[in-house]
Amino acid sequence: MLKLERLLQDIHAYIDMNPLGFKEYDLIQHLVTCNPLIGSIAEDGNLELFKKHFLTMNGLYRLQEKYWKEQGRFLNITSVWIQLEPPSERNSISNELTDNSSNQKLKEYYLEWDNYYQATEETVEELLTAFWQHFHKLDQRDSALAMLDLSCDATSSEIKQRYKELAALHHPDKGGDVELFIQVRAAYENLK
């Protein structure tokens, strides 16, 4: 338990040293040099990288709650940037820490110690595979939206409407381009 408290202290100090925010990678690199818990984890596999990441995220989410309760400040934790926000009206209106649902799921994951202790090379590989599949699907979504000439925030009804318009325009039975019709159909199938 003392090692975890030391980790929280080291993360807290790093947050104080970087008031404009920082990347998780930079925080982990700092912790490797100054924290025995993180520094003792070897770097020869995905499991070890997962452990460093998990311990760091666990510490950040624990500090997020602490900052909120003690100072009414929100530690904003995203995949690309971490920053302690100054107190604001939004923070003073509510005494409860609120996140969007995907952030809440991540927080719950990293605060559940079973996820750390039960991690194996195989489960970490499954997580990485699922991540890359999700990333690839997002990339395909962007391409499909571009094919239908829609913005990234298009609703399902807008997607369906645009598909109907383009399918009618390019349908081979109506003299349209077969290849273009196939591409429009594939884009729509990807977005359903």
C-alpha atoms as a PDB file:
ATOM      1  CA  MET A   1       0.000   0.000   0.000  1.00  0.00           C
ATOM      2  CA  LEU A   2       2.910   2.340   0.683  1.00  0.00           C
ATOM      3  CA  LYS A   3       4.100   1.884  -2.898  1.00  0.00           C
ATOM      4  CA  LEU A   4       0.684   2.962  -4.217  1.00  0.00           C
ATOM      5  CA  GLU A   5       0.666   6.046  -1.993  1.00  0.00           C
ATOM      6  CA  ARG A   6       4.144   6.931  -3.240  1.00  0.00           C
ATOM      7  CA  LEU A   7       2.874   6.508  -6.815  1.00  0.00           C
ATOM      8  CA  LEU A   8       0.009   8.929  -6.106  1.00  0.00           C
ATOM      9  CA  GLN A   9       2.473  11.429  -4.635  1.00  0.00           C
ATOM     10  CA  ASP A  10       4.728  11.176  -7.691  1.00  0.00           C
ATOM     11  CA  ILE A  11       1.810  11.615 -10.108  1.00  0.00           C
ATOM     12  CA  HIS A  12       0.488  14.533  -8.039  1.00  0.00           C
ATOM     13  CA  ALA A  13       3.916  16.197  -8.147  1.00  0.00           C
ATOM     14  CA  TYR A  14       4.090  15.706 -11.924  1.00  0.00           C
ATOM     15  CA  ILE A  15       0.652  17.304 -12.353  1.00  0.00           C
ATOM     16  CA  ASP A  16       1.863  20.282 -10.298  1.00  0.00           C
ATOM     17  CA  MET A  17       5.002  20.562 -12.469  1.00  0.00           C
ATOM     18  CA  ASN A  18       2.903  20.597 -15.660  1.00  0.00           C
ATOM     19  CA  PRO A  19      -0.009  23.010 -15.155  1.00  0.00           C
ATOM     20  CA  LEU A  20      -0.636  23.252 -18.911  1.00  0.00           C
ATOM     21  CA  GLY A  21      -1.093  19.495 -19.158  1.00  0.00           C
ATOM     22  CA  PHE A  22       0.893  16.543 -20.426  1.00  0.00           C
ATOM     23  CA  LYS A  23       0.790  13.244 -22.309  1.00  0.00           C
ATOM     24  CA  GLU A  24       0.424   9.952 -20.481  1.00  0.00           C
ATOM     25  CA  TYR A  25       3.585   8.718 -22.207  1.00  0.00           C
ATOM     26  CA  ASP A  26       5.627  11.559 -20.701  1.00  0.00           C
ATOM     27  CA  LEU A  27       4.194  10.868 -17.253  1.00  0.00           C
ATOM     28  CA  ILE A  28       5.104   7.170 -17.500  1.00  0.00           C
ATOM     29  CA  GLN A  29       8.640   8.023 -18.639  1.00  0.00           C
ATOM     30  CA  HIS A  30       8.968  10.305 -15.622  1.00  0.00           C
ATOM     31  CA  LEU A  31       7.607   7.637 -13.266  1.00  0.00           C
ATOM     32  CA  VAL A  32      10.013   5.015 -14.631  1.00  0.00           C
ATOM     33  CA  THR A  33      12.903   7.176 -13.435  1.00  0.00           C
ATOM     34  CA  CYS A  34      11.534   8.197 -10.031  1.00  0.00           C
ATOM     35  CA  ASN A  35       9.040   5.589  -8.835  1.00  0.00           C
ATOM     36  CA  PRO A  36      10.202   2.126  -7.716  1.00  0.00           C
ATOM     37  CA  LEU A  37       6.800   0.531  -8.408  1.00  0.00           C
ATOM     38  CA  ILE A  38       6.732   1.585 -12.071  1.00  0.00           C
ATOM     39  CA  GLY A  39      10.503   1.531 -12.561  1.00  0.00           C
ATOM     40  CA  SER A  40      10.787  -2.100 -11.452  1.00  0.00           C
ATOM     41  CA  ILE A  41       8.438  -3.368 -14.183  1.00  0.00           C
ATOM     42  CA  ALA A  42      10.515  -4.713 -17.071  1.00  0.00           C
ATOM     43  CA  GLU A  43       9.787  -3.446 -20.585  1.00  0.00           C
ATOM     44  CA  ASP A  44      10.107  -6.652 -22.551  1.00  0.00           C
ATOM     45  CA  GLY A  45       6.488  -7.283 -23.461  1.00  0.00           C
ATOM     46  CA  ASN A  46       2.962  -6.026 -23.843  1.00  0.00           C
ATOM     47  CA  LEU A  47       2.031  -7.283 -20.367  1.00  0.00           C
ATOM     48  CA  GLU A  48       4.684  -5.096 -18.754  1.00  0.00           C
ATOM     49  CA  LEU A  49       3.591  -2.069 -20.768  1.00  0.00           C
ATOM     50  CA  PHE A  50      -0.004  -2.778 -19.773  1.00  0.00           C
ATOM     51  CA  LYS A  51       0.984  -2.892 -16.088  1.00  0.00           C
ATOM     52  CA  LYS A  52       2.727   0.492 -16.284  1.00  0.00           C
ATOM     53  CA  HIS A  53      -0.240   1.963 -18.120  1.00  0.00           C
ATOM     54  CA  PHE A  54      -2.740   0.454 -15.683  1.00  0.00           C
ATOM     55  CA  LEU A  55      -0.924   1.690 -12.573  1.00  0.00           C
ATOM     56  CA  THR A  56      -0.593   5.165 -14.085  1.00  0.00           C
ATOM     57  CA  MET A  57      -4.256   5.364 -15.097  1.00  0.00           C
ATOM     58  CA  ASN A  58      -5.370   3.983 -11.726  1.00  0.00           C
ATOM     59  CA  GLY A  59      -3.372   6.728 -10.011  1.00  0.00           C
ATOM     60  CA  LEU A  60      -4.759   9.413 -12.314  1.00  0.00           C
ATOM     61  CA  TYR A  61      -8.376   8.346 -11.733  1.00  0.00           C
ATOM     62  CA  ARG A  62      -7.840   8.144  -7.972  1.00  0.00           C
ATOM     63  CA  LEU A  63      -6.369  11.642  -8.023  1.00  0.00           C
ATOM     64  CA  GLN A  64      -9.248  12.817 -10.228  1.00  0.00           C
ATOM     65  CA  GLU A  65     -11.650  11.968  -7.398  1.00  0.00           C
ATOM     66  CA  LYS A  66      -9.374  13.555  -4.806  1.00  0.00           C
ATOM     67  CA  TYR A  67      -9.002  16.831  -6.739  1.00  0.00           C
ATOM     68  CA  TRP A  68     -12.750  16.982  -7.239  1.00  0.00           C
ATOM     69  CA  LYS A  69     -13.656  16.337  -3.609  1.00  0.00           C
ATOM     70  CA  GLU A  70     -10.969  18.511  -2.051  1.00  0.00           C
ATOM     71  CA  GLN A  71     -10.637  21.393  -4.532  1.00  0.00           C
ATOM     72  CA  GLY A  72     -13.643  21.227  -6.865  1.00  0.00           C
ATOM     73  CA  ARG A  73     -11.171  20.888  -9.751  1.00  0.00           C
ATOM     74  CA  PHE A  74     -11.517  18.406 -12.572  1.00  0.00           C
ATOM     75  CA  LEU A  75      -8.559  16.324 -13.726  1.00  0.00           C
ATOM     76  CA  ASN A  76      -9.410  15.871 -17.397  1.00  0.00           C
ATOM     77  CA  ILE A  77      -8.027  12.529 -18.587  1.00  0.00           C
ATOM     78  CA  THR A  78      -8.190  11.834 -22.320  1.00  0.00           C
ATOM     79  CA  SER A  79      -6.252   9.518 -24.593  1.00  0.00           C
ATOM     80  CA  VAL A  80      -4.093  12.362 -25.882  1.00  0.00           C
ATOM     81  CA  TRP A  81      -3.890  14.910 -23.052  1.00  0.00           C
ATOM     82  CA  ILE A  82      -4.186  15.115 -19.276  1.00  0.00           C
ATOM     83  CA  GLN A  83      -4.763  18.437 -17.545  1.00  0.00           C
ATOM     84  CA  LEU A  84      -6.003  19.717 -14.224  1.00  0.00           C
ATOM     85  CA  GLU A  85      -8.661  22.292 -15.002  1.00  0.00           C
ATOM     86  CA  PRO A  86      -8.919  25.414 -12.863  1.00  0.00           C
ATOM     87  CA  PRO A  87     -12.012  25.777 -10.684  1.00  0.00           C
ATOM     88  CA  SER A  88     -14.983  26.995 -12.681  1.00  0.00           C
ATOM     89  CA  GLU A  89     -18.690  27.616 -12.325  1.00  0.00           C
ATOM     90  CA  ARG A  90     -19.341  24.169 -13.713  1.00  0.00           C
ATOM     91  CA  ASN A  91     -17.332  22.686 -10.872  1.00  0.00           C
ATOM     92  CA  SER A  92     -18.987  24.757  -8.152  1.00  0.00           C
ATOM     93  CA  ILE A  93     -22.538  23.980  -9.283  1.00  0.00           C
ATOM     94  CA  SER A  94     -22.303  20.289  -8.470  1.00  0.00           C
ATOM     95  CA  ASN A  95     -20.577  18.347  -5.736  1.00  0.00           C
ATOM     96  CA  GLU A  96     -20.527  15.223  -7.854  1.00  0.00           C
ATOM     97  CA  LEU A  97     -17.865  14.183 -10.288  1.00  0.00           C
ATOM     98  CA  THR A  98     -19.534  13.577 -13.631  1.00  0.00           C
ATOM     99  CA  ASP A  99     -18.076  12.050 -16.765  1.00  0.00           C
ATOM    100  CA  ASN A 100     -19.497  10.937 -20.061  1.00  0.00           C
ATOM    101  CA  SER A 101     -20.310   7.231 -20.227  1.00  0.00           C
ATOM    102  CA  SER A 102     -17.187   6.125 -22.124  1.00  0.00           C
ATOM    103  CA  ASN A 103     -14.931   7.965 -19.648  1.00  0.00           C
ATOM    104  CA  GLN A 104     -16.881   6.427 -16.780  1.00  0.00           C
ATOM    105  CA  LYS A 105     -16.351   2.934 -18.208  1.00  0.00           C
ATOM    106  CA  LEU A 106     -12.624   3.556 -18.535  1.00  0.00           C
ATOM    107  CA  LYS A 107     -12.476   4.888 -15.003  1.00  0.00           C
ATOM    108  CA  GLU A 108     -14.302   1.841 -13.663  1.00  0.00           C
ATOM    109  CA  TYR A 109     -11.946  -0.440 -15.592  1.00  0.00           C
ATOM    110  CA  TYR A 110      -8.792   1.179 -14.202  1.00  0.00           C
ATOM    111  CA  LEU A 111     -10.079   1.352 -10.635  1.00  0.00           C
ATOM    112  CA  GLU A 112     -10.901  -2.384 -10.617  1.00  0.00           C
ATOM    113  CA  TRP A 113      -7.761  -4.156  -9.376  1.00  0.00           C
ATOM    114  CA  ASP A 114      -8.877  -7.546 -10.721  1.00  0.00           C
ATOM    115  CA  ASN A 115      -8.207  -6.178 -14.211  1.00  0.00           C
ATOM    116  CA  TYR A 116      -4.583  -5.648 -13.200  1.00  0.00           C
ATOM    117  CA  TYR A 117      -4.019  -8.896 -11.320  1.00  0.00           C
ATOM    118  CA  GLN A 118      -5.773 -11.108 -13.865  1.00  0.00           C
ATOM    119  CA  ALA A 119      -3.961  -9.659 -16.878  1.00  0.00           C
ATOM    120  CA  THR A 120      -1.876 -12.131 -18.859  1.00  0.00           C
ATOM    121  CA  GLU A 121       0.030 -11.859 -22.117  1.00  0.00           C
ATOM    122  CA  GLU A 122      -3.023 -13.412 -23.799  1.00  0.00           C
ATOM    123  CA  THR A 123      -5.606 -11.044 -22.296  1.00  0.00           C
ATOM    124  CA  VAL A 124      -3.435  -8.028 -23.075  1.00  0.00           C
ATOM    125  CA  GLU A 125      -3.073  -9.257 -26.658  1.00  0.00           C
ATOM    126  CA  GLU A 126      -6.883  -9.574 -26.847  1.00  0.00           C
ATOM    127  CA  LEU A 127      -7.241  -5.987 -25.585  1.00  0.00           C
ATOM    128  CA  LEU A 128      -4.768  -4.737 -28.171  1.00  0.00           C
ATOM    129  CA  THR A 129      -6.513  -6.640 -30.954  1.00  0.00           C
ATOM    130  CA  ALA A 130      -9.886  -5.228 -29.902  1.00  0.00           C
ATOM    131  CA  PHE A 131      -8.402  -1.722 -29.774  1.00  0.00           C
ATOM    132  CA  TRP A 132      -6.967  -1.959 -33.289  1.00  0.00           C
ATOM    133  CA  GLN A 133     -10.176  -3.442 -34.645  1.00  0.00           C
ATOM    134  CA  HIS A 134     -12.131  -0.561 -33.121  1.00  0.00           C
ATOM    135  CA  PHE A 135      -9.598   1.928 -34.506  1.00  0.00           C
ATOM    136  CA  HIS A 136      -9.841   0.340 -37.959  1.00  0.00           C
ATOM    137  CA  LYS A 137     -13.626   0.464 -37.788  1.00  0.00           C
ATOM    138  CA  LEU A 138     -13.482   4.188 -36.952  1.00  0.00           C
ATOM    139  CA  ASP A 139     -11.167   4.709 -39.911  1.00  0.00           C
ATOM    140  CA  GLN A 140     -13.588   2.791 -42.143  1.00  0.00           C
ATOM    141  CA  ARG A 141     -16.450   4.890 -40.784  1.00  0.00           C
ATOM    142  CA  ASP A 142     -14.674   8.086 -41.787  1.00  0.00           C
ATOM    143  CA  SER A 143     -14.104   6.706 -45.302  1.00  0.00           C
ATOM    144  CA  ALA A 144     -17.723   5.565 -45.584  1.00  0.00           C
ATOM    145  CA  LEU A 145     -19.030   8.965 -44.482  1.00  0.00           C
ATOM    146  CA  ALA A 146     -16.771  10.639 -47.025  1.00  0.00           C
ATOM    147  CA  MET A 147     -18.089   8.304 -49.734  1.00  0.00           C
ATOM    148  CA  LEU A 148     -21.634   9.391 -48.885  1.00  0.00           C
ATOM    149  CA  ASP A 149     -20.483  13.010 -48.612  1.00  0.00           C
ATOM    150  CA  LEU A 150     -21.609  13.294 -44.984  1.00  0.00           C
ATOM    151  CA  SER A 151     -20.021  14.921 -41.939  1.00  0.00           C
ATOM    152  CA  CYS A 152     -18.621  12.860 -39.078  1.00  0.00           C
ATOM    153  CA  ASP A 153     -21.568  13.790 -36.862  1.00  0.00           C
ATOM    154  CA  ALA A 154     -24.215  12.514 -39.292  1.00  0.00           C
ATOM    155  CA  THR A 155     -27.159  10.805 -37.633  1.00  0.00           C
ATOM    156  CA  SER A 156     -28.403   7.366 -38.618  1.00  0.00           C
ATOM    157  CA  SER A 157     -31.455   8.908 -40.285  1.00  0.00           C
ATOM    158  CA  GLU A 158     -29.221  11.285 -42.297  1.00  0.00           C
ATOM    159  CA  ILE A 159     -27.041   8.345 -43.346  1.00  0.00           C
ATOM    160  CA  LYS A 160     -30.070   6.326 -44.423  1.00  0.00           C
ATOM    161  CA  GLN A 161     -31.549   9.266 -46.345  1.00  0.00           C
ATOM    162  CA  ARG A 162     -28.294  10.026 -48.125  1.00  0.00           C
ATOM    163  CA  TYR A 163     -27.840   6.357 -49.022  1.00  0.00           C
ATOM    164  CA  LYS A 164     -31.308   6.232 -50.569  1.00  0.00           C
ATOM    165  CA  GLU A 165     -30.555   9.341 -52.625  1.00  0.00           C
ATOM    166  CA  LEU A 166     -27.218   8.052 -53.910  1.00  0.00           C
ATOM    167  CA  ALA A 167     -28.493   4.506 -54.484  1.00  0.00           C
ATOM    168  CA  ALA A 168     -31.360   5.847 -56.611  1.00  0.00           C
ATOM    169  CA  LEU A 169     -28.962   8.055 -58.533  1.00  0.00           C
ATOM    170  CA  HIS A 170     -26.363   5.350 -59.230  1.00  0.00           C
ATOM    171  CA  HIS A 171     -28.512   2.200 -59.432  1.00  0.00           C
ATOM    172  CA  PRO A 172     -27.602   0.193 -62.563  1.00  0.00           C
ATOM    173  CA  ASP A 173     -31.283  -0.427 -63.388  1.00  0.00           C
ATOM    174  CA  LYS A 174     -31.683   3.336 -63.716  1.00  0.00           C
ATOM    175  CA  GLY A 175     -28.628   3.815 -65.917  1.00  0.00           C
ATOM    176  CA  GLY A 176     -26.207   4.489 -63.060  1.00  0.00           C
ATOM    177  CA  ASP A 177     -22.578   3.466 -62.633  1.00  0.00           C
ATOM    178  CA  VAL A 178     -22.348  -0.125 -61.281  1.00  0.00           C
ATOM    179  CA  GLU A 179     -18.981   0.467 -59.531  1.00  0.00           C
ATOM    180  CA  LEU A 180     -20.187   3.643 -57.866  1.00  0.00           C
ATOM    181  CA  PHE A 181     -23.389   1.928 -56.751  1.00  0.00           C
ATOM    182  CA  ILE A 182     -21.344  -0.900 -55.199  1.00  0.00           C
ATOM    183  CA  GLN A 183     -19.148   1.619 -53.364  1.00  0.00           C
ATOM    184  CA  VAL A 184     -22.180   3.522 -52.052  1.00  0.00           C
ATOM    185  CA  ARG A 185     -23.788   0.263 -50.891  1.00  0.00           C
ATOM    186  CA  ALA A 186     -20.556  -0.860 -49.167  1.00  0.00           C
ATOM    187  CA  ALA A 187     -20.254   2.498 -47.409  1.00  0.00           C
ATOM    188  CA  TYR A 188     -23.830   2.268 -46.175  1.00  0.00           C
ATOM    189  CA  GLU A 189     -23.345  -1.320 -44.961  1.00  0.00           C
ATOM    190  CA  ASN A 190     -20.291  -0.173 -43.027  1.00  0.00           C
ATOM    191  CA  LEU A 191     -22.305   2.554 -41.297  1.00  0.00           C
ATOM    192  CA  LYS A 192     -25.377   0.481 -40.373  1.00  0.00           C
END
